[in-house]
């Protein structure tokens, strides 16, 4: 998935720590087929809002997907970020 996301979207999972290190919000989401704990997080990368789905794996976060936020959802995520300050 990392290579595909990098090729198709220009986003690298290896940069997820930058999103977590800045202003971001996270909320739990469904666990998919495996029923594991999953979270959706929105934050900024190079000044653009990105949305990631990830799961905790021991001491690390395993990124499942990463994409740029759609125009309609940007307002909602930004409002949630303002409320979390």
PDB file of N, CA and C in Angstrom:
ATOM      1  N   UNK A   1       0.814  -1.206   0.000  1.00  0.00           N
ATOM      2  CA  UNK A   1       0.000   0.000   0.000  1.00  0.00           C
ATOM      3  C   UNK A   1       0.854   1.266   0.000  1.00  0.00           C
ATOM      4  N   UNK A   2       1.986   1.222   0.706  1.00  0.00           N
ATOM      5  CA  UNK A   2       2.818   2.420   0.784  1.00  0.00           C
ATOM      6  C   UNK A   2       3.270   2.859  -0.609  1.00  0.00           C
ATOM      7  N   UNK A   3       3.788   1.914  -1.389  1.00  0.00           N
ATOM      8  CA  UNK A   3       4.282   2.254  -2.724  1.00  0.00           C
ATOM      9  C   UNK A   3       3.150   2.754  -3.618  1.00  0.00           C
ATOM     10  N   UNK A   4       1.997   2.122  -3.525  1.00  0.00           N
ATOM     11  CA  UNK A   4       0.843   2.519  -4.341  1.00  0.00           C
ATOM     12  C   UNK A   4       0.379   3.929  -3.969  1.00  0.00           C
ATOM     13  N   UNK A   5       0.311   4.197  -2.668  1.00  0.00           N
ATOM     14  CA  UNK A   5      -0.115   5.522  -2.207  1.00  0.00           C
ATOM     15  C   UNK A   5       0.890   6.590  -2.621  1.00  0.00           C
ATOM     16  N   UNK A   6       2.155   6.271  -2.540  1.00  0.00           N
ATOM     17  CA  UNK A   6       3.193   7.215  -2.964  1.00  0.00           C
ATOM     18  C   UNK A   6       3.083   7.494  -4.458  1.00  0.00           C
ATOM     19  N   UNK A   7       2.903   6.453  -5.244  1.00  0.00           N
ATOM     20  CA  UNK A   7       2.807   6.616  -6.693  1.00  0.00           C
ATOM     21  C   UNK A   7       1.529   7.344  -7.115  1.00  0.00           C
ATOM     22  N   UNK A   8       0.389   6.948  -6.556  1.00  0.00           N
ATOM     23  CA  UNK A   8      -0.894   7.489  -6.992  1.00  0.00           C
ATOM     24  C   UNK A   8      -1.261   8.821  -6.355  1.00  0.00           C
ATOM     25  N   UNK A   9      -0.821   9.035  -5.106  1.00  0.00           N
ATOM     26  CA  UNK A   9      -1.245  10.242  -4.387  1.00  0.00           C
ATOM     27  C   UNK A   9      -0.103  11.163  -4.002  1.00  0.00           C
ATOM     28  N   UNK A  10       1.124  10.693  -4.160  1.00  0.00           N
ATOM     29  CA  UNK A  10       2.280  11.508  -3.787  1.00  0.00           C
ATOM     30  C   UNK A  10       2.443  11.642  -2.285  1.00  0.00           C
ATOM     31  N   UNK A  11       1.875  10.700  -1.524  1.00  0.00           N
ATOM     32  CA  UNK A  11       1.963  10.709  -0.067  1.00  0.00           C
ATOM     33  C   UNK A  11       2.717   9.474   0.398  1.00  0.00           C
ATOM     34  N   UNK A  12       3.637   9.672   1.340  1.00  0.00           N
ATOM     35  CA  UNK A  12       4.459   8.578   1.838  1.00  0.00           C
ATOM     36  C   UNK A  12       4.117   8.286   3.288  1.00  0.00           C
ATOM     37  N   UNK A  13       3.737   7.042   3.579  1.00  0.00           N
ATOM     38  CA  UNK A  13       3.416   6.634   4.942  1.00  0.00           C
ATOM     39  C   UNK A  13       4.557   6.954   5.904  1.00  0.00           C
ATOM     40  N   UNK A  14       5.778   6.973   5.401  1.00  0.00           N
ATOM     41  CA  UNK A  14       6.949   7.241   6.243  1.00  0.00           C
ATOM     42  C   UNK A  14       6.899   8.640   6.846  1.00  0.00           C
ATOM     43  N   UNK A  15       6.073   9.507   6.303  1.00  0.00           N
ATOM     44  CA  UNK A  15       5.962  10.868   6.810  1.00  0.00           C
ATOM     45  C   UNK A  15       4.806  11.043   7.794  1.00  0.00           C
ATOM     46  N   UNK A  16       4.150   9.950   8.173  1.00  0.00           N
ATOM     47  CA  UNK A  16       3.008  10.016   9.102  1.00  0.00           C
ATOM     48  C   UNK A  16       3.390  10.669  10.413  1.00  0.00           C
ATOM     49  N   UNK A  17       4.606  10.452  10.879  1.00  0.00           N
ATOM     50  CA  UNK A  17       5.039  11.051  12.152  1.00  0.00           C
ATOM     51  C   UNK A  17       4.961  12.570  12.109  1.00  0.00           C
ATOM     52  N   UNK A  18       5.146  13.151  10.936  1.00  0.00           N
ATOM     53  CA  UNK A  18       5.039  14.607  10.799  1.00  0.00           C
ATOM     54  C   UNK A  18       3.605  15.069  11.041  1.00  0.00           C
ATOM     55  N   UNK A  19       2.652  14.271  10.608  1.00  0.00           N
ATOM     56  CA  UNK A  19       1.238  14.598  10.835  1.00  0.00           C
ATOM     57  C   UNK A  19       0.927  14.504  12.327  1.00  0.00           C
ATOM     58  N   UNK A  20       1.357  13.410  12.954  1.00  0.00           N
ATOM     59  CA  UNK A  20       1.109  13.229  14.385  1.00  0.00           C
ATOM     60  C   UNK A  20       1.849  14.268  15.227  1.00  0.00           C
ATOM     61  N   UNK A  21       2.950  14.780  14.724  1.00  0.00           N
ATOM     62  CA  UNK A  21       3.753  15.752  15.460  1.00  0.00           C
ATOM     63  C   UNK A  21       3.202  17.163  15.423  1.00  0.00           C
ATOM     64  N   UNK A  22       2.258  17.418  14.526  1.00  0.00           N
ATOM     65  CA  UNK A  22       1.667  18.748  14.409  1.00  0.00           C
ATOM     66  C   UNK A  22       0.231  18.749  14.894  1.00  0.00           C
ATOM     67  N   UNK A  23      -0.478  19.816  14.574  1.00  0.00           N
ATOM     68  CA  UNK A  23      -1.892  19.919  14.933  1.00  0.00           C
ATOM     69  C   UNK A  23      -2.662  18.820  14.205  1.00  0.00           C
ATOM     70  N   UNK A  24      -3.357  17.991  14.962  1.00  0.00           N
ATOM     71  CA  UNK A  24      -4.140  16.904  14.381  1.00  0.00           C
ATOM     72  C   UNK A  24      -5.254  16.497  15.339  1.00  0.00           C
ATOM     73  N   UNK A  25      -6.216  15.780  14.804  1.00  0.00           N
ATOM     74  CA  UNK A  25      -7.278  15.185  15.620  1.00  0.00           C
ATOM     75  C   UNK A  25      -7.429  13.725  15.188  1.00  0.00           C
ATOM     76  N   UNK A  26      -7.812  12.901  16.143  1.00  0.00           N
ATOM     77  CA  UNK A  26      -7.996  11.476  15.865  1.00  0.00           C
ATOM     78  C   UNK A  26      -9.290  11.013  16.500  1.00  0.00           C
ATOM     79  N   UNK A  27      -9.917  10.064  15.854  1.00  0.00           N
ATOM     80  CA  UNK A  27     -11.121   9.452  16.421  1.00  0.00           C
ATOM     81  C   UNK A  27     -11.141   7.974  16.058  1.00  0.00           C
ATOM     82  N   UNK A  28     -11.729   7.166  16.912  1.00  0.00           N
ATOM     83  CA  UNK A  28     -11.812   5.736  16.599  1.00  0.00           C
ATOM     84  C   UNK A  28     -12.743   5.499  15.426  1.00  0.00           C
ATOM     85  N   UNK A  29     -12.502   4.421  14.712  1.00  0.00           N
ATOM     86  CA  UNK A  29     -13.355   4.033  13.595  1.00  0.00           C
ATOM     87  C   UNK A  29     -13.523   2.517  13.643  1.00  0.00           C
ATOM     88  N   UNK A  30     -14.297   1.972  12.736  1.00  0.00           N
ATOM     89  CA  UNK A  30     -14.525   0.522  12.742  1.00  0.00           C
ATOM     90  C   UNK A  30     -13.224  -0.230  12.460  1.00  0.00           C
ATOM     91  N   UNK A  31     -13.149  -1.449  12.915  1.00  0.00           N
ATOM     92  CA  UNK A  31     -11.922  -2.227  12.828  1.00  0.00           C
ATOM     93  C   UNK A  31     -11.739  -3.028  11.561  1.00  0.00           C
ATOM     94  N   UNK A  32     -12.602  -2.851  10.577  1.00  0.00           N
ATOM     95  CA  UNK A  32     -12.461  -3.613   9.347  1.00  0.00           C
ATOM     96  C   UNK A  32     -12.733  -5.086   9.572  1.00  0.00           C
ATOM     97  N   UNK A  33     -12.274  -5.899   8.648  1.00  0.00           N
ATOM     98  CA  UNK A  33     -12.522  -7.343   8.716  1.00  0.00           C
ATOM     99  C   UNK A  33     -11.868  -7.995   9.924  1.00  0.00           C
ATOM    100  N   UNK A  34     -10.733  -7.463  10.346  1.00  0.00           N
ATOM    101  CA  UNK A  34      -9.996  -8.081  11.453  1.00  0.00           C
ATOM    102  C   UNK A  34     -10.527  -7.650  12.818  1.00  0.00           C
ATOM    103  N   UNK A  35     -11.415  -6.654  12.835  1.00  0.00           N
ATOM    104  CA  UNK A  35     -11.997  -6.130  14.073  1.00  0.00           C
ATOM    105  C   UNK A  35     -10.934  -5.593  15.039  1.00  0.00           C
ATOM    106  N   UNK A  36      -9.804  -5.118  14.506  1.00  0.00           N
ATOM    107  CA  UNK A  36      -8.758  -4.527  15.340  1.00  0.00           C
ATOM    108  C   UNK A  36      -9.106  -3.068  15.651  1.00  0.00           C
ATOM    109  N   UNK A  37      -8.443  -2.495  16.616  1.00  0.00           N
ATOM    110  CA  UNK A  37      -8.636  -1.080  16.931  1.00  0.00           C
ATOM    111  C   UNK A  37      -8.073  -0.246  15.786  1.00  0.00           C
ATOM    112  N   UNK A  38      -8.884   0.630  15.243  1.00  0.00           N
ATOM    113  CA  UNK A  38      -8.444   1.523  14.166  1.00  0.00           C
ATOM    114  C   UNK A  38      -8.852   2.945  14.493  1.00  0.00           C
ATOM    115  N   UNK A  39      -8.074   3.868  13.949  1.00  0.00           N
ATOM    116  CA  UNK A  39      -8.333   5.288  14.154  1.00  0.00           C
ATOM    117  C   UNK A  39      -8.218   6.021  12.824  1.00  0.00           C
ATOM    118  N   UNK A  40      -8.985   7.089  12.711  1.00  0.00           N
ATOM    119  CA  UNK A  40      -8.842   7.994  11.583  1.00  0.00           C
ATOM    120  C   UNK A  40      -8.293   9.300  12.156  1.00  0.00           C
ATOM    121  N   UNK A  41      -7.260   9.814  11.532  1.00  0.00           N
ATOM    122  CA  UNK A  41      -6.589  11.020  11.997  1.00  0.00           C
ATOM    123  C   UNK A  41      -6.484  12.004  10.840  1.00  0.00           C
ATOM    124  N   UNK A  42      -6.764  13.262  11.131  1.00  0.00           N
ATOM    125  CA  UNK A  42      -6.574  14.327  10.154  1.00  0.00           C
ATOM    126  C   UNK A  42      -5.542  15.297  10.705  1.00  0.00           C
ATOM    127  N   UNK A  43      -4.644  15.711   9.852  1.00  0.00           N
ATOM    128  CA  UNK A  43      -3.604  16.650  10.239  1.00  0.00           C
ATOM    129  C   UNK A  43      -2.934  17.209   8.996  1.00  0.00           C
ATOM    130  N   UNK A  44      -1.909  17.974   9.204  1.00  0.00           N
ATOM    131  CA  UNK A  44      -1.293  18.677   8.084  1.00  0.00           C
ATOM    132  C   UNK A  44       0.055  18.091   7.689  1.00  0.00           C
ATOM    133  N   UNK A  45       0.281  18.080   6.380  1.00  0.00           N
ATOM    134  CA  UNK A  45       1.546  17.672   5.807  1.00  0.00           C
ATOM    135  C   UNK A  45       1.849  18.646   4.681  1.00  0.00           C
ATOM    136  N   UNK A  46       2.939  19.357   4.812  1.00  0.00           N
ATOM    137  CA  UNK A  46       3.316  20.376   3.820  1.00  0.00           C
ATOM    138  C   UNK A  46       2.198  21.392   3.589  1.00  0.00           C
ATOM    139  N   UNK A  47       1.491  21.727   4.681  1.00  0.00           N
ATOM    140  CA  UNK A  47       0.447  22.743   4.598  1.00  0.00           C
ATOM    141  C   UNK A  47      -0.884  22.263   4.054  1.00  0.00           C
ATOM    142  N   UNK A  48      -0.985  20.994   3.713  1.00  0.00           N
ATOM    143  CA  UNK A  48      -2.242  20.438   3.193  1.00  0.00           C
ATOM    144  C   UNK A  48      -2.812  19.454   4.201  1.00  0.00           C
ATOM    145  N   UNK A  49      -4.125  19.426   4.270  1.00  0.00           N
ATOM    146  CA  UNK A  49      -4.806  18.532   5.203  1.00  0.00           C
ATOM    147  C   UNK A  49      -4.828  17.114   4.631  1.00  0.00           C
ATOM    148  N   UNK A  50      -4.353  16.164   5.422  1.00  0.00           N
ATOM    149  CA  UNK A  50      -4.377  14.761   5.025  1.00  0.00           C
ATOM    150  C   UNK A  50      -5.177  13.965   6.045  1.00  0.00           C
ATOM    151  N   UNK A  51      -5.724  12.853   5.590  1.00  0.00           N
ATOM    152  CA  UNK A  51      -6.498  11.949   6.436  1.00  0.00           C
ATOM    153  C   UNK A  51      -5.830  10.582   6.380  1.00  0.00           C
ATOM    154  N   UNK A  52      -5.597  10.006   7.554  1.00  0.00           N
ATOM    155  CA  UNK A  52      -4.958   8.692   7.635  1.00  0.00           C
ATOM    156  C   UNK A  52      -5.817   7.748   8.452  1.00  0.00           C
ATOM    157  N   UNK A  53      -5.805   6.485   8.084  1.00  0.00           N
ATOM    158  CA  UNK A  53      -6.379   5.421   8.900  1.00  0.00           C
ATOM    159  C   UNK A  53      -5.199   4.588   9.374  1.00  0.00           C
ATOM    160  N   UNK A  54      -5.197   4.282  10.672  1.00  0.00           N
ATOM    161  CA  UNK A  54      -4.066   3.549  11.235  1.00  0.00           C
ATOM    162  C   UNK A  54      -4.531   2.685  12.398  1.00  0.00           C
ATOM    163  N   UNK A  55      -3.665   1.768  12.787  1.00  0.00           N
ATOM    164  CA  UNK A  55      -3.939   0.892  13.913  1.00  0.00           C
ATOM    165  C   UNK A  55      -2.689   0.800  14.786  1.00  0.00           C
ATOM    166  N   UNK A  56      -2.865   0.740  16.100  1.00  0.00           N
ATOM    167  CA  UNK A  56      -1.697   0.574  16.963  1.00  0.00           C
ATOM    168  C   UNK A  56      -1.140  -0.840  16.821  1.00  0.00           C
ATOM    169  N   UNK A  57       0.160  -0.927  16.709  1.00  0.00           N
ATOM    170  CA  UNK A  57       0.859  -2.224  16.660  1.00  0.00           C
ATOM    171  C   UNK A  57       2.017  -2.143  17.636  1.00  0.00           C
ATOM    172  N   UNK A  58       1.790  -2.612  18.825  1.00  0.00           N
ATOM    173  CA  UNK A  58       2.816  -2.512  19.859  1.00  0.00           C
ATOM    174  C   UNK A  58       3.078  -1.049  20.176  1.00  0.00           C
ATOM    175  N   UNK A  59       4.318  -0.634  20.054  1.00  0.00           N
ATOM    176  CA  UNK A  59       4.717   0.749  20.345  1.00  0.00           C
ATOM    177  C   UNK A  59       4.618   1.661  19.127  1.00  0.00           C
ATOM    178  N   UNK A  60       4.177   1.132  17.986  1.00  0.00           N
ATOM    179  CA  UNK A  60       4.148   1.917  16.752  1.00  0.00           C
ATOM    180  C   UNK A  60       2.724   2.069  16.234  1.00  0.00           C
ATOM    181  N   UNK A  61       2.593   2.904  15.239  1.00  0.00           N
ATOM    182  CA  UNK A  61       1.323   3.081  14.532  1.00  0.00           C
ATOM    183  C   UNK A  61       1.504   2.526  13.127  1.00  0.00           C
ATOM    184  N   UNK A  62       0.644   1.609  12.747  1.00  0.00           N
ATOM    185  CA  UNK A  62       0.682   1.018  11.410  1.00  0.00           C
ATOM    186  C   UNK A  62      -0.323   1.761  10.535  1.00  0.00           C
ATOM    187  N   UNK A  63       0.175   2.505   9.549  1.00  0.00           N
ATOM    188  CA  UNK A  63      -0.689   3.284   8.667  1.00  0.00           C
ATOM    189  C   UNK A  63      -1.290   2.358   7.615  1.00  0.00           C
ATOM    190  N   UNK A  64      -2.604   2.423   7.486  1.00  0.00           N
ATOM    191  CA  UNK A  64      -3.336   1.592   6.537  1.00  0.00           C
ATOM    192  C   UNK A  64      -3.617   2.373   5.264  1.00  0.00           C
ATOM    193  N   UNK A  65      -3.973   3.650   5.420  1.00  0.00           N
ATOM    194  CA  UNK A  65      -4.218   4.486   4.248  1.00  0.00           C
ATOM    195  C   UNK A  65      -3.907   5.945   4.579  1.00  0.00           C
ATOM    196  N   UNK A  66      -3.617   6.694   3.535  1.00  0.00           N
ATOM    197  CA  UNK A  66      -3.310   8.120   3.683  1.00  0.00           C
ATOM    198  C   UNK A  66      -3.749   8.808   2.394  1.00  0.00           C
ATOM    199  N   UNK A  67      -4.481   9.903   2.555  1.00  0.00           N
ATOM    200  CA  UNK A  67      -4.954  10.647   1.374  1.00  0.00           C
ATOM    201  C   UNK A  67      -5.128  12.102   1.736  1.00  0.00           C
ATOM    202  N   UNK A  68      -5.224  12.936   0.713  1.00  0.00           N
ATOM    203  CA  UNK A  68      -5.543  14.341   0.940  1.00  0.00           C
ATOM    204  C   UNK A  68      -7.029  14.450   1.265  1.00  0.00           C
ATOM    205  N   UNK A  69      -7.382  15.341   2.169  1.00  0.00           N
ATOM    206  CA  UNK A  69      -8.783  15.552   2.528  1.00  0.00           C
ATOM    207  C   UNK A  69      -9.530  16.176   1.361  1.00  0.00           C
ATOM    208  N   UNK A  70     -10.749  15.734   1.173  1.00  0.00           N
ATOM    209  CA  UNK A  70     -11.613  16.307   0.140  1.00  0.00           C
ATOM    210  C   UNK A  70     -12.098  17.683   0.586  1.00  0.00           C
ATOM    211  N   UNK A  71     -12.428  18.520  -0.360  1.00  0.00           N
ATOM    212  CA  UNK A  71     -12.836  19.895  -0.065  1.00  0.00           C
ATOM    213  C   UNK A  71     -13.985  19.954   0.946  1.00  0.00           C
ATOM    214  N   UNK A  72     -14.991  19.104   0.796  1.00  0.00           N
ATOM    215  CA  UNK A  72     -16.153  19.140   1.679  1.00  0.00           C
ATOM    216  C   UNK A  72     -15.799  18.770   3.114  1.00  0.00           C
ATOM    217  N   UNK A  73     -14.845  17.859   3.297  1.00  0.00           N
ATOM    218  CA  UNK A  73     -14.523  17.422   4.655  1.00  0.00           C
ATOM    219  C   UNK A  73     -13.492  18.314   5.330  1.00  0.00           C
ATOM    220  N   UNK A  74     -12.765  19.120   4.573  1.00  0.00           N
ATOM    221  CA  UNK A  74     -11.752  19.987   5.170  1.00  0.00           C
ATOM    222  C   UNK A  74     -12.348  20.895   6.232  1.00  0.00           C
ATOM    223  N   UNK A  75     -13.494  21.478   5.952  1.00  0.00           N
ATOM    224  CA  UNK A  75     -14.146  22.376   6.907  1.00  0.00           C
ATOM    225  C   UNK A  75     -14.479  21.632   8.200  1.00  0.00           C
ATOM    226  N   UNK A  76     -15.008  20.441   8.090  1.00  0.00           N
ATOM    227  CA  UNK A  76     -15.385  19.666   9.280  1.00  0.00           C
ATOM    228  C   UNK A  76     -14.164  19.310  10.127  1.00  0.00           C
ATOM    229  N   UNK A  77     -13.099  18.840   9.487  1.00  0.00           N
ATOM    230  CA  UNK A  77     -11.888  18.496  10.234  1.00  0.00           C
ATOM    231  C   UNK A  77     -11.281  19.725  10.889  1.00  0.00           C
ATOM    232  N   UNK A  78     -11.235  20.834  10.176  1.00  0.00           N
ATOM    233  CA  UNK A  78     -10.647  22.046  10.735  1.00  0.00           C
ATOM    234  C   UNK A  78     -11.455  22.543  11.930  1.00  0.00           C
ATOM    235  N   UNK A  79     -12.782  22.445  11.851  1.00  0.00           N
ATOM    236  CA  UNK A  79     -13.613  22.831  12.989  1.00  0.00           C
ATOM    237  C   UNK A  79     -13.327  21.934  14.195  1.00  0.00           C
ATOM    238  N   UNK A  80     -13.160  20.642  13.943  1.00  0.00           N
ATOM    239  CA  UNK A  80     -12.858  19.715  15.034  1.00  0.00           C
ATOM    240  C   UNK A  80     -11.482  20.037  15.646  1.00  0.00           C
ATOM    241  N   UNK A  81     -10.542  20.398  14.808  1.00  0.00           N
ATOM    242  CA  UNK A  81      -9.207  20.766  15.315  1.00  0.00           C
ATOM    243  C   UNK A  81      -9.274  22.021  16.179  1.00  0.00           C
ATOM    244  N   UNK A  82     -10.054  22.982  15.760  1.00  0.00           N
ATOM    245  CA  UNK A  82     -10.215  24.219  16.536  1.00  0.00           C
ATOM    246  C   UNK A  82     -10.813  23.894  17.909  1.00  0.00           C
ATOM    247  N   UNK A  83     -11.763  22.969  17.936  1.00  0.00           N
ATOM    248  CA  UNK A  83     -12.396  22.606  19.195  1.00  0.00           C
ATOM    249  C   UNK A  83     -11.501  21.810  20.121  1.00  0.00           C
ATOM    250  N   UNK A  84     -10.437  21.216  19.571  1.00  0.00           N
ATOM    251  CA  UNK A  84      -9.557  20.402  20.406  1.00  0.00           C
ATOM    252  C   UNK A  84      -8.387  21.175  20.989  1.00  0.00           C
ATOM    253  N   UNK A  85      -8.254  22.431  20.623  1.00  0.00           N
ATOM    254  CA  UNK A  85      -7.129  23.245  21.136  1.00  0.00           C
ATOM    255  C   UNK A  85      -7.318  23.611  22.569  1.00  0.00           C
TER     256      UNK A  85
END
